[in-house]
Amino acid sequence: MNIRDAVTALVVAIGSACDSGTQQANQALAASATLSAQVVQQNAQIDASRRTAITDAVARVSPAVVTVQTETVERVPADVFEQFFGGRSGQQVQPGLGSGFIIRPDGIIVTNAHVVSGASRISVMMRDGATYTATLVGKDETNDLAVIRIDARDLPVATLGSSERLLIGEWAIAIGNPFGFLLGNTEPSVTAGVVSATGRNLLGRSEGSGAYLGMIQTDASINPGNSGGPLVNAVGEVIGVNTSIYAPSGGSVGLGFAIPINRARRIVDDLLDHGSVRRPWIGEQVRTPSTGNPREIVTAEVVLRAVVPGSPAERAGLRPGDQLVSARGRILRNVFDWEAERLDMRVGEQVPLVVRRGGRDLTIAVTVADLPEVSAPRVTVLRELELVTLTPPIRAERALRSSKGALVVSTSERIRNEIGLQEGDVIVQINRTTIDQAADVSRAFEYYGGRTGLRLIFERRGYFYTTDFVIQ
């Protein structure tokens, strides 16, 4: 073979090799493209399989959930050096934290009253970290709800659902900011569970330290900082306002409670439209059970002991001795069921009652009115109540459950009729103020009187009851 033939053969060989390499490269590219398509398809399938009613509900509501930060100025004892130079006390700024959710795109936010109570400064942080100064529109300490406002527009809004006809066992999703910024970012946390029960009456230890009636119970984990956040159903609607945890340690043990959204909607409407909350009232006075046995109390029924003259109850034909069997279709087994039902009524609403009288059931419609004022000045109310601070000997002598409070030693007939207090009752709380001694009652009356309605919680025969009234 000469040189020319050798070169020609080499060129042919190189060309053949190049063609083979190109073919292999094309095959590799085709295989890679096929693999990529398979990966994309698999990822799409994984994404679809991961999406559930819960993830869709969270995506719908969580943009409207905010962190509520507060600052409260507290008086503290002066330190040793200040005392040496005549100082008596100083001030300390106490930070607070809770959650809330936006219900109007112009910056209207719902949270708990105890989250913002006493705050000298309120700010709101969005999930992207943007922070706004907030102003208090109004609060209702009886129902532990507050409305605050930020100066912003076109905000994401949480859709409000209904708290009626909830299904026991249906999904319940709690969204909020537990433990605040200790978790390292501003994104809200999500916990899921079910609606464990409805119409729960809670009188005892809770984050808000108060009495809660007609509550939604859930096993979705609710921890400190969740207060004021929304409880959401599987279609992304708010069904309640997360409020309290019932646990000796203060941590979640599967007993969480939320204020029904229908009640919250009424409170918010009153605060926005009237600047204060109107108290539903019909003028009935209910017997309290004569036993301290919880099993008997929860089935003690609702029997009227008196009807206020000229009240809606009297005009509707209610009489002392009538038993209230149901209201708006809700069965009333005890006084707490009735008190919870009253909280959900609106002033001006006509409420159908089933009343048992002389062995017959009657249907009576009552038009709800606004709670009237106690008809005497504040100082007269206090003069008609003789109180002493509860002490260990008194507690032991009377077999009381409360460790602190103000014992009612004597009271006028007017106070018994208008407020419902009796000798032997122990006042343990007024709105969100815990009563440690007798003097706290007058301070609470002084603070709340003329500003808002009062909810007084008292112990009677080993059980706790509430009464609502207004002092001007």
Protein backbone atom coordinates (compact mmCIF):
# COMPACT_ATOMS: atom_id res chain seq x y z
CA MET A 1 0.00 0.00 0.00
CA ASN A 2 1.38 3.39 -0.97
CA ILE A 3 1.18 6.51 1.11
CA ARG A 4 -1.85 7.86 -0.79
CA ASP A 5 -3.86 4.68 -0.15
CA ALA A 6 -2.86 4.70 3.52
CA VAL A 7 -4.02 8.30 4.02
CA THR A 8 -7.28 7.53 2.30
CA ALA A 9 -7.85 4.50 4.52
CA LEU A 10 -7.07 6.60 7.61
CA VAL A 11 -9.56 9.29 6.62
CA VAL A 12 -12.24 6.69 6.03
CA ALA A 13 -11.51 5.11 9.41
CA ILE A 14 -11.66 8.47 11.18
CA GLY A 15 -14.91 9.32 9.45
CA SER A 16 -16.41 6.00 10.44
CA ALA A 17 -15.34 6.53 14.03
CA CYS A 18 -16.83 10.03 14.06
CA ASP A 19 -20.11 8.73 12.69
CA SER A 20 -20.18 6.07 15.39
CA GLY A 21 -19.41 8.63 18.14
CA THR A 22 -22.12 10.95 16.91
CA GLN A 23 -24.59 8.15 16.89
CA GLN A 24 -23.61 7.16 20.41
CA ALA A 25 -23.83 10.79 21.55
CA ASN A 26 -27.27 11.15 20.05
CA GLN A 27 -28.34 7.95 21.73
CA ALA A 28 -27.00 9.26 25.06
CA LEU A 29 -28.84 12.58 24.63
CA ALA A 30 -32.06 10.76 23.81
CA ALA A 31 -31.67 8.54 26.87
CA SER A 32 -30.96 11.59 29.05
CA ALA A 33 -34.04 13.38 27.72
CA THR A 34 -36.17 10.32 28.39
CA LEU A 35 -34.80 10.08 31.93
CA SER A 36 -35.43 13.78 32.55
CA ALA A 37 -39.00 13.43 31.36
CA GLN A 38 -39.48 10.47 33.65
CA VAL A 39 -38.05 12.43 36.63
CA VAL A 40 -40.33 15.39 35.89
CA GLN A 41 -43.30 13.09 35.61
CA GLN A 42 -42.39 11.35 38.86
CA ASN A 43 -41.94 14.71 40.62
CA ALA A 44 -45.32 15.83 39.35
CA GLN A 45 -46.84 12.61 40.65
CA ILE A 46 -45.11 13.10 44.04
CA ASP A 47 -46.34 16.70 44.23
CA ALA A 48 -49.87 15.61 43.44
CA SER A 49 -49.75 12.86 46.01
CA ARG A 50 -48.48 15.26 48.67
CA ARG A 51 -51.24 17.77 48.17
CA THR A 52 -54.12 17.20 50.56
CA ALA A 53 -57.09 19.12 51.89
CA ILE A 54 -54.86 20.26 54.75
CA THR A 55 -52.07 21.63 52.53
CA ASP A 56 -54.62 23.42 50.34
CA ALA A 57 -56.37 24.89 53.40
CA VAL A 58 -53.06 26.09 54.85
CA ALA A 59 -52.03 27.66 51.54
CA ARG A 60 -55.33 29.52 51.48
CA VAL A 61 -55.27 30.91 55.03
CA SER A 62 -51.65 31.20 56.19
CA PRO A 63 -50.84 34.36 54.15
CA ALA A 64 -53.39 36.18 56.33
CA VAL A 65 -51.94 34.98 59.66
CA VAL A 66 -49.77 37.51 61.51
CA THR A 67 -47.65 37.77 64.63
CA VAL A 68 -48.87 40.30 67.20
CA GLN A 69 -46.11 41.84 69.33
CA THR A 70 -46.84 43.99 72.37
CA GLU A 71 -45.03 46.05 74.94
CA THR A 72 -46.48 46.62 78.39
CA VAL A 73 -45.03 49.06 80.91
CA GLU A 74 -45.03 47.60 84.42
CA ARG A 75 -44.09 49.25 87.68
CA VAL A 76 -41.35 47.41 89.57
CA PRO A 77 -39.68 48.02 92.93
CA ALA A 78 -36.66 50.29 92.82
CA ASP A 79 -33.26 48.69 93.26
CA VAL A 80 -31.17 49.12 96.41
CA PHE A 81 -29.28 52.17 95.12
CA GLU A 82 -32.47 53.97 94.06
CA GLN A 83 -34.01 53.25 97.45
CA PHE A 84 -30.93 54.72 99.12
CA PHE A 85 -31.50 57.98 97.21
CA GLY A 86 -35.22 58.04 97.91
CA GLY A 87 -36.49 56.08 94.91
CA ARG A 88 -39.65 54.07 95.42
CA SER A 89 -40.38 52.29 92.19
CA GLY A 90 -39.36 52.10 88.56
CA GLN A 91 -40.72 50.95 85.22
CA GLN A 92 -40.02 47.88 83.18
CA VAL A 93 -41.10 47.14 79.63
CA GLN A 94 -42.55 43.66 79.36
CA PRO A 95 -42.76 42.19 75.84
CA GLY A 96 -45.68 40.01 74.78
CA LEU A 97 -46.51 37.87 71.80
CA GLY A 98 -49.54 36.32 70.17
CA SER A 99 -51.11 35.64 66.82
CA GLY A 100 -53.90 37.13 64.75
CA PHE A 101 -55.47 36.97 61.31
CA ILE A 102 -56.53 39.57 58.77
CA ILE A 103 -60.24 39.71 57.99
CA ARG A 104 -60.33 42.83 55.77
CA PRO A 105 -57.83 43.91 53.11
CA ASP A 106 -57.55 47.40 54.66
CA GLY A 107 -55.79 46.07 57.76
CA ILE A 108 -58.49 44.85 60.19
CA ILE A 109 -57.08 42.03 62.34
CA VAL A 110 -58.69 39.74 64.94
CA THR A 111 -56.77 38.50 67.98
CA ASN A 112 -57.38 37.71 71.66
CA ALA A 113 -58.08 40.44 74.20
CA HIS A 114 -55.54 39.00 76.62
CA VAL A 115 -52.84 39.27 73.92
CA VAL A 116 -53.17 43.08 73.74
CA SER A 117 -54.57 43.83 77.20
CA GLY A 118 -52.67 46.66 78.91
CA ALA A 119 -50.26 47.06 75.97
CA SER A 120 -48.69 50.47 75.49
CA ARG A 121 -47.46 49.51 72.04
CA ILE A 122 -48.76 46.97 69.52
CA SER A 123 -47.07 45.94 66.30
CA VAL A 124 -47.90 43.36 63.67
CA MET A 125 -45.41 41.32 61.64
CA MET A 126 -46.41 39.69 58.38
CA ARG A 127 -45.06 36.33 57.25
CA ASP A 128 -42.50 38.09 54.98
CA GLY A 129 -41.11 40.05 57.95
CA ALA A 130 -42.80 43.37 57.13
CA THR A 131 -43.77 45.12 60.40
CA TYR A 132 -46.56 47.63 61.00
CA THR A 133 -47.59 49.69 64.01
CA ALA A 134 -51.09 48.67 65.10
CA THR A 135 -53.83 50.54 66.91
CA LEU A 136 -56.47 48.99 69.14
CA VAL A 137 -59.96 49.36 67.65
CA GLY A 138 -61.63 47.73 70.62
CA LYS A 139 -61.68 44.65 72.81
CA ASP A 140 -64.17 42.49 74.63
CA GLU A 141 -62.62 40.93 77.69
CA THR A 142 -65.75 38.93 78.46
CA ASN A 143 -65.27 36.90 75.28
CA ASP A 144 -61.48 37.41 75.09
CA LEU A 145 -61.56 39.00 71.63
CA ALA A 146 -59.94 42.14 70.27
CA VAL A 147 -59.77 44.00 66.96
CA ILE A 148 -56.63 45.88 65.91
CA ARG A 149 -55.86 47.85 62.75
CA ILE A 150 -52.73 48.48 60.67
CA ASP A 151 -52.30 51.11 57.96
CA ALA A 152 -52.02 48.89 54.89
CA ARG A 153 -54.01 48.04 51.77
CA ASP A 154 -54.67 45.03 49.55
CA LEU A 155 -53.72 42.55 52.25
CA PRO A 156 -54.47 38.81 52.05
CA VAL A 157 -57.67 37.95 53.90
CA ALA A 158 -58.74 34.84 55.78
CA THR A 159 -62.14 33.52 54.70
CA LEU A 160 -64.56 33.24 57.62
CA GLY A 161 -66.69 30.11 57.72
CA SER A 162 -69.37 29.02 60.18
CA SER A 163 -69.04 27.39 63.60
CA GLU A 164 -72.53 25.90 63.45
CA ARG A 165 -73.06 22.27 62.52
CA LEU A 166 -69.40 21.35 62.94
CA LEU A 167 -68.75 17.64 62.57
CA ILE A 168 -67.08 15.88 65.48
CA GLY A 169 -63.97 14.31 63.97
CA GLU A 170 -63.62 16.63 60.97
CA TRP A 171 -60.22 18.18 60.29
CA ALA A 172 -59.19 21.15 62.43
CA ILE A 173 -56.01 23.09 61.59
CA ALA A 174 -54.43 25.54 64.04
CA ILE A 175 -52.20 28.24 62.55
CA GLY A 176 -50.17 30.67 64.62
CA ASN A 177 -46.77 31.60 65.95
CA PRO A 178 -46.01 29.41 69.00
CA PHE A 179 -42.97 30.55 71.00
CA GLY A 180 -42.55 33.51 68.64
CA PHE A 181 -39.15 34.14 67.16
CA LEU A 182 -37.44 31.39 69.16
CA LEU A 183 -38.25 29.24 66.13
CA GLY A 184 -36.02 31.43 63.97
CA ASN A 185 -38.34 32.93 61.36
CA THR A 186 -41.62 34.73 60.81
CA GLU A 187 -43.49 31.94 59.03
CA PRO A 188 -46.54 30.71 60.99
CA SER A 189 -46.59 27.15 62.30
CA VAL A 190 -49.29 24.67 61.38
CA THR A 191 -50.68 21.85 63.52
CA ALA A 192 -53.53 19.55 62.54
CA GLY A 193 -56.06 17.50 64.43
CA VAL A 194 -59.82 17.12 64.55
CA VAL A 195 -62.79 18.87 66.09
CA SER A 196 -62.90 16.94 69.37
CA ALA A 197 -66.11 18.49 70.70
CA THR A 198 -68.30 21.58 70.51
CA GLY A 199 -70.11 23.57 73.17
CA ARG A 200 -67.39 23.01 75.76
CA ASN A 201 -67.64 25.07 78.96
CA LEU A 202 -64.20 25.70 80.42
CA LEU A 203 -63.86 27.20 83.89
CA GLY A 204 -60.30 26.82 85.05
CA ARG A 205 -56.65 27.05 84.14
CA SER A 206 -55.97 28.30 80.61
CA GLU A 207 -53.62 30.65 78.79
CA GLY A 208 -56.13 33.49 79.00
CA SER A 209 -56.81 32.67 82.67
CA GLY A 210 -60.55 33.04 82.35
CA ALA A 211 -63.91 31.36 81.86
CA TYR A 212 -64.77 30.22 78.37
CA LEU A 213 -68.22 28.98 77.41
CA GLY A 214 -69.49 27.17 74.33
CA MET A 215 -65.98 26.56 73.01
CA ILE A 216 -64.71 24.38 70.18
CA GLN A 217 -62.38 21.69 71.52
CA THR A 218 -59.59 20.35 69.30
CA ASP A 219 -56.58 18.08 69.64
CA ALA A 220 -54.61 20.21 67.17
CA SER A 221 -51.58 21.32 69.16
CA ILE A 222 -52.05 24.86 70.56
CA ASN A 223 -49.08 26.29 72.44
CA PRO A 224 -48.17 29.68 73.97
CA GLY A 225 -48.13 32.24 71.16
CA ASN A 226 -50.92 30.53 69.21
CA SER A 227 -53.50 32.69 70.98
CA GLY A 228 -55.46 34.78 68.50
CA GLY A 229 -54.60 32.64 65.49
CA PRO A 230 -57.26 30.93 63.38
CA LEU A 231 -58.66 27.42 63.69
CA VAL A 232 -59.40 26.32 60.13
CA ASN A 233 -61.49 23.58 58.53
CA ALA A 234 -60.49 21.38 55.59
CA VAL A 235 -61.79 23.83 52.96
CA GLY A 236 -59.71 26.73 54.27
CA GLU A 237 -62.38 28.57 56.26
CA VAL A 238 -61.84 29.99 59.74
CA ILE A 239 -64.16 28.25 62.22
CA GLY A 240 -62.67 29.58 65.47
CA VAL A 241 -60.13 31.79 67.21
CA ASN A 242 -57.46 29.79 69.06
CA THR A 243 -57.58 30.87 72.66
CA SER A 244 -56.51 28.53 75.39
CA ILE A 245 -54.70 25.41 76.38
CA TYR A 246 -55.86 23.31 79.29
CA ALA A 247 -52.84 21.72 80.93
CA PRO A 248 -51.20 21.93 84.36
CA SER A 249 -47.81 22.45 82.69
CA GLY A 250 -49.07 25.10 80.26
CA GLY A 251 -48.04 22.95 77.30
CA SER A 252 -50.27 21.28 74.77
CA VAL A 253 -51.63 17.87 75.78
CA GLY A 254 -54.31 17.55 73.14
CA LEU A 255 -56.88 19.79 74.84
CA GLY A 256 -57.05 23.01 72.86
CA PHE A 257 -59.98 25.43 72.70
CA ALA A 258 -61.16 28.02 70.20
CA ILE A 259 -63.86 30.70 70.32
CA PRO A 260 -66.55 29.88 67.72
CA ILE A 261 -66.18 32.16 64.69
CA ASN A 262 -69.90 33.04 64.66
CA ARG A 263 -69.50 34.60 68.10
CA ALA A 264 -66.27 36.30 67.08
CA ARG A 265 -68.01 37.74 64.00
CA ARG A 266 -70.70 39.30 66.21
CA ILE A 267 -68.12 40.83 68.54
CA VAL A 268 -66.07 42.20 65.63
CA ASP A 269 -69.16 43.72 63.99
CA ASP A 270 -70.12 45.43 67.26
CA LEU A 271 -66.62 46.83 67.80
CA LEU A 272 -66.36 48.14 64.24
CA ASP A 273 -69.91 49.46 63.97
CA HIS A 274 -70.56 50.73 67.50
CA GLY A 275 -67.14 51.05 69.14
CA SER A 276 -68.21 48.73 71.96
CA VAL A 277 -69.83 45.34 72.43
CA ARG A 278 -73.54 45.12 73.09
CA ARG A 279 -74.52 42.54 75.72
CA PRO A 280 -77.41 40.27 74.77
CA TRP A 281 -80.05 40.33 77.53
CA ILE A 282 -83.60 39.08 77.95
CA GLY A 283 -84.08 39.65 81.70
CA GLU A 284 -84.22 36.09 82.99
CA GLN A 285 -82.64 34.94 86.25
CA VAL A 286 -81.70 31.28 86.44
CA ARG A 287 -81.53 29.03 89.47
CA THR A 288 -78.09 27.78 90.39
CA PRO A 289 -77.89 24.10 91.38
CA SER A 290 -77.96 23.40 95.11
CA THR A 291 -75.27 20.73 94.78
CA GLY A 292 -71.53 20.75 94.25
CA ASN A 293 -71.52 17.38 92.49
CA PRO A 294 -70.31 17.96 88.90
CA ARG A 295 -72.31 15.02 87.57
CA GLU A 296 -75.51 16.54 88.94
CA ILE A 297 -74.64 20.07 87.86
CA VAL A 298 -74.13 19.18 84.18
CA THR A 299 -77.65 17.69 84.10
CA ALA A 300 -79.34 20.18 86.45
CA GLU A 301 -81.45 21.76 83.67
CA VAL A 302 -82.18 25.48 83.24
CA VAL A 303 -85.00 26.70 85.48
CA LEU A 304 -85.99 30.35 85.90
CA ARG A 305 -86.08 31.65 89.46
CA ALA A 306 -87.24 35.15 88.48
CA VAL A 307 -88.12 37.35 85.51
CA VAL A 308 -87.19 41.05 85.51
CA PRO A 309 -90.32 43.27 85.28
CA GLY A 310 -90.63 45.02 81.91
CA SER A 311 -87.89 42.86 80.36
CA PRO A 312 -88.08 41.05 77.00
CA ALA A 313 -88.56 37.80 78.94
CA GLU A 314 -91.65 39.13 80.71
CA ARG A 315 -93.05 40.60 77.49
CA ALA A 316 -92.61 37.23 75.77
CA GLY A 317 -94.54 35.48 78.55
CA LEU A 318 -91.76 33.70 80.44
CA ARG A 319 -92.53 32.97 84.10
CA PRO A 320 -90.60 31.91 87.21
CA GLY A 321 -90.43 28.12 87.35
CA ASP A 322 -90.26 27.72 83.55
CA GLN A 323 -87.63 25.29 82.32
CA LEU A 324 -85.69 26.35 79.22
CA VAL A 325 -85.41 23.16 77.16
CA SER A 326 -83.75 24.53 74.02
CA ALA A 327 -82.77 27.79 72.33
CA ARG A 328 -82.51 28.09 68.54
CA GLY A 329 -82.56 24.30 68.38
CA ARG A 330 -79.74 23.78 70.89
CA ILE A 331 -80.58 21.51 73.82
CA LEU A 332 -79.96 23.20 77.18
CA ARG A 333 -78.81 20.71 79.80
CA ASN A 334 -77.42 23.17 82.37
CA VAL A 335 -76.91 26.87 83.10
CA PHE A 336 -73.56 26.89 81.28
CA ASP A 337 -75.21 25.79 78.05
CA TRP A 338 -77.66 28.67 78.42
CA GLU A 339 -74.93 31.22 79.19
CA ALA A 340 -72.95 30.05 76.15
CA GLU A 341 -76.05 30.37 73.96
CA ARG A 342 -76.65 33.91 75.19
CA LEU A 343 -73.12 34.88 74.18
CA ASP A 344 -73.96 33.97 70.58
CA MET A 345 -77.15 36.05 70.42
CA ARG A 346 -77.34 39.43 68.72
CA VAL A 347 -79.20 42.45 70.05
CA GLY A 348 -82.47 42.75 68.14
CA GLU A 349 -82.54 39.06 67.20
CA GLN A 350 -85.72 37.08 67.83
CA VAL A 351 -84.78 33.83 69.54
CA PRO A 352 -87.11 30.82 69.59
CA LEU A 353 -87.18 29.07 72.97
CA VAL A 354 -88.78 25.77 73.89
CA VAL A 355 -90.11 26.15 77.42
CA ARG A 356 -91.44 23.36 79.64
CA ARG A 357 -94.28 24.48 81.90
CA GLY A 358 -96.59 22.20 83.84
CA GLY A 359 -95.48 19.17 81.86
CA ARG A 360 -96.14 20.82 78.48
CA ASP A 361 -93.59 22.20 75.99
CA LEU A 362 -94.29 25.67 74.61
CA THR A 363 -92.47 27.59 71.89
CA ILE A 364 -91.88 31.22 72.87
CA ALA A 365 -90.04 33.85 70.79
CA VAL A 366 -87.99 36.38 72.76
CA THR A 367 -86.51 39.53 71.23
CA VAL A 368 -82.98 40.09 72.57
CA ALA A 369 -82.23 43.52 74.07
CA ASP A 370 -79.03 45.24 75.14
CA LEU A 371 -77.95 44.67 78.73
CA PRO A 372 -79.22 47.60 80.84
CA GLU A 373 -77.04 49.38 83.33
CA VAL A 374 -77.09 48.56 87.00
CA SER A 375 -79.41 51.28 88.22
CA ALA A 376 -77.18 52.81 90.87
CA PRO A 377 -73.85 54.67 90.91
CA ARG A 378 -70.68 52.69 91.32
CA VAL A 379 -70.11 53.69 94.94
CA THR A 380 -73.62 52.52 95.87
CA VAL A 381 -72.96 49.11 94.35
CA LEU A 382 -69.87 48.75 96.51
CA ARG A 383 -71.73 49.89 99.61
CA GLU A 384 -74.28 47.16 99.00
CA LEU A 385 -71.59 44.47 98.98
CA GLU A 386 -69.69 43.50 102.11
CA LEU A 387 -66.60 41.49 101.23
CA VAL A 388 -63.74 39.89 103.11
CA THR A 389 -60.52 38.45 101.76
CA LEU A 390 -60.57 34.66 101.55
CA THR A 391 -58.17 33.11 104.09
CA PRO A 392 -57.11 29.49 104.64
CA PRO A 393 -59.31 29.12 107.78
CA ILE A 394 -62.37 30.49 105.93
CA ARG A 395 -61.64 28.24 102.99
CA ALA A 396 -61.36 25.18 105.20
CA GLU A 397 -64.47 26.06 107.20
CA ARG A 398 -66.62 26.46 104.09
CA ALA A 399 -64.95 23.68 102.03
CA LEU A 400 -64.21 26.07 99.18
CA ARG A 401 -62.25 25.12 96.06
CA SER A 402 -60.82 28.60 95.49
CA SER A 403 -57.54 29.40 97.21
CA LYS A 404 -57.95 33.16 96.69
CA GLY A 405 -60.83 35.55 96.25
CA ALA A 406 -63.31 37.84 97.99
CA LEU A 407 -66.03 36.23 100.10
CA VAL A 408 -69.46 37.90 99.97
CA VAL A 409 -70.46 38.38 103.63
CA SER A 410 -73.65 40.32 102.95
CA THR A 411 -75.42 41.92 100.00
CA SER A 412 -78.54 43.91 99.36
CA GLU A 413 -81.69 42.46 97.81
CA ARG A 414 -81.16 44.70 94.77
CA ILE A 415 -77.69 43.27 94.14
CA ARG A 416 -79.05 39.76 94.58
CA ASN A 417 -81.73 40.47 91.99
CA GLU A 418 -79.76 42.56 89.47
CA ILE A 419 -76.33 40.92 89.64
CA GLY A 420 -77.18 37.56 91.20
CA LEU A 421 -74.61 37.48 94.00
CA GLN A 422 -75.52 35.85 97.31
CA GLU A 423 -73.98 35.59 100.75
CA GLY A 424 -71.31 32.89 100.73
CA ASP A 425 -70.29 33.40 97.10
CA VAL A 426 -66.57 33.87 96.43
CA ILE A 427 -65.67 36.37 93.71
CA VAL A 428 -62.61 34.97 91.94
CA GLN A 429 -62.39 37.02 88.73
CA ILE A 430 -63.79 40.16 87.05
CA ASN A 431 -63.21 40.15 83.31
CA ARG A 432 -59.51 39.22 83.02
CA THR A 433 -58.61 40.49 86.50
CA THR A 434 -57.94 37.77 89.06
CA ILE A 435 -59.30 38.64 92.51
CA ASP A 436 -56.75 37.86 95.23
CA GLN A 437 -58.29 39.94 98.02
CA ALA A 438 -61.40 41.97 98.78
CA ALA A 439 -59.82 45.30 97.78
CA ASP A 440 -59.26 43.96 94.23
CA VAL A 441 -63.02 44.00 93.64
CA SER A 442 -63.34 47.74 94.14
CA ARG A 443 -60.25 48.33 91.99
CA ALA A 444 -61.72 46.18 89.22
CA PHE A 445 -65.05 48.02 89.42
CA GLU A 446 -63.16 51.30 89.27
CA TYR A 447 -61.11 50.19 86.27
CA TYR A 448 -63.84 48.55 84.19
CA GLY A 449 -66.88 50.53 85.31
CA GLY A 450 -68.21 52.78 82.55
CA ARG A 451 -65.71 51.41 80.02
CA THR A 452 -67.00 47.94 79.22
CA GLY A 453 -69.34 45.24 80.40
CA LEU A 454 -68.27 43.21 83.40
CA ARG A 455 -68.23 39.45 83.61
CA LEU A 456 -67.93 38.37 87.22
CA ILE A 457 -66.90 34.77 87.97
CA PHE A 458 -67.77 33.41 91.39
CA GLU A 459 -67.74 30.13 93.27
CA ARG A 460 -70.94 28.86 94.81
CA ARG A 461 -71.18 25.53 96.60
CA GLY A 462 -67.95 24.30 95.05
CA TYR A 463 -68.75 25.20 91.44
CA PHE A 464 -68.08 28.27 89.29
CA TYR A 465 -70.68 30.52 87.69
CA THR A 466 -70.70 33.81 85.81
CA THR A 467 -72.87 36.92 85.81
CA ASP A 468 -72.75 39.84 83.38
CA PHE A 469 -73.61 43.46 84.15
CA VAL A 470 -72.71 47.04 83.30
CA ILE A 471 -71.87 49.88 85.71
CA GLN A 472 -71.97 53.51 84.62
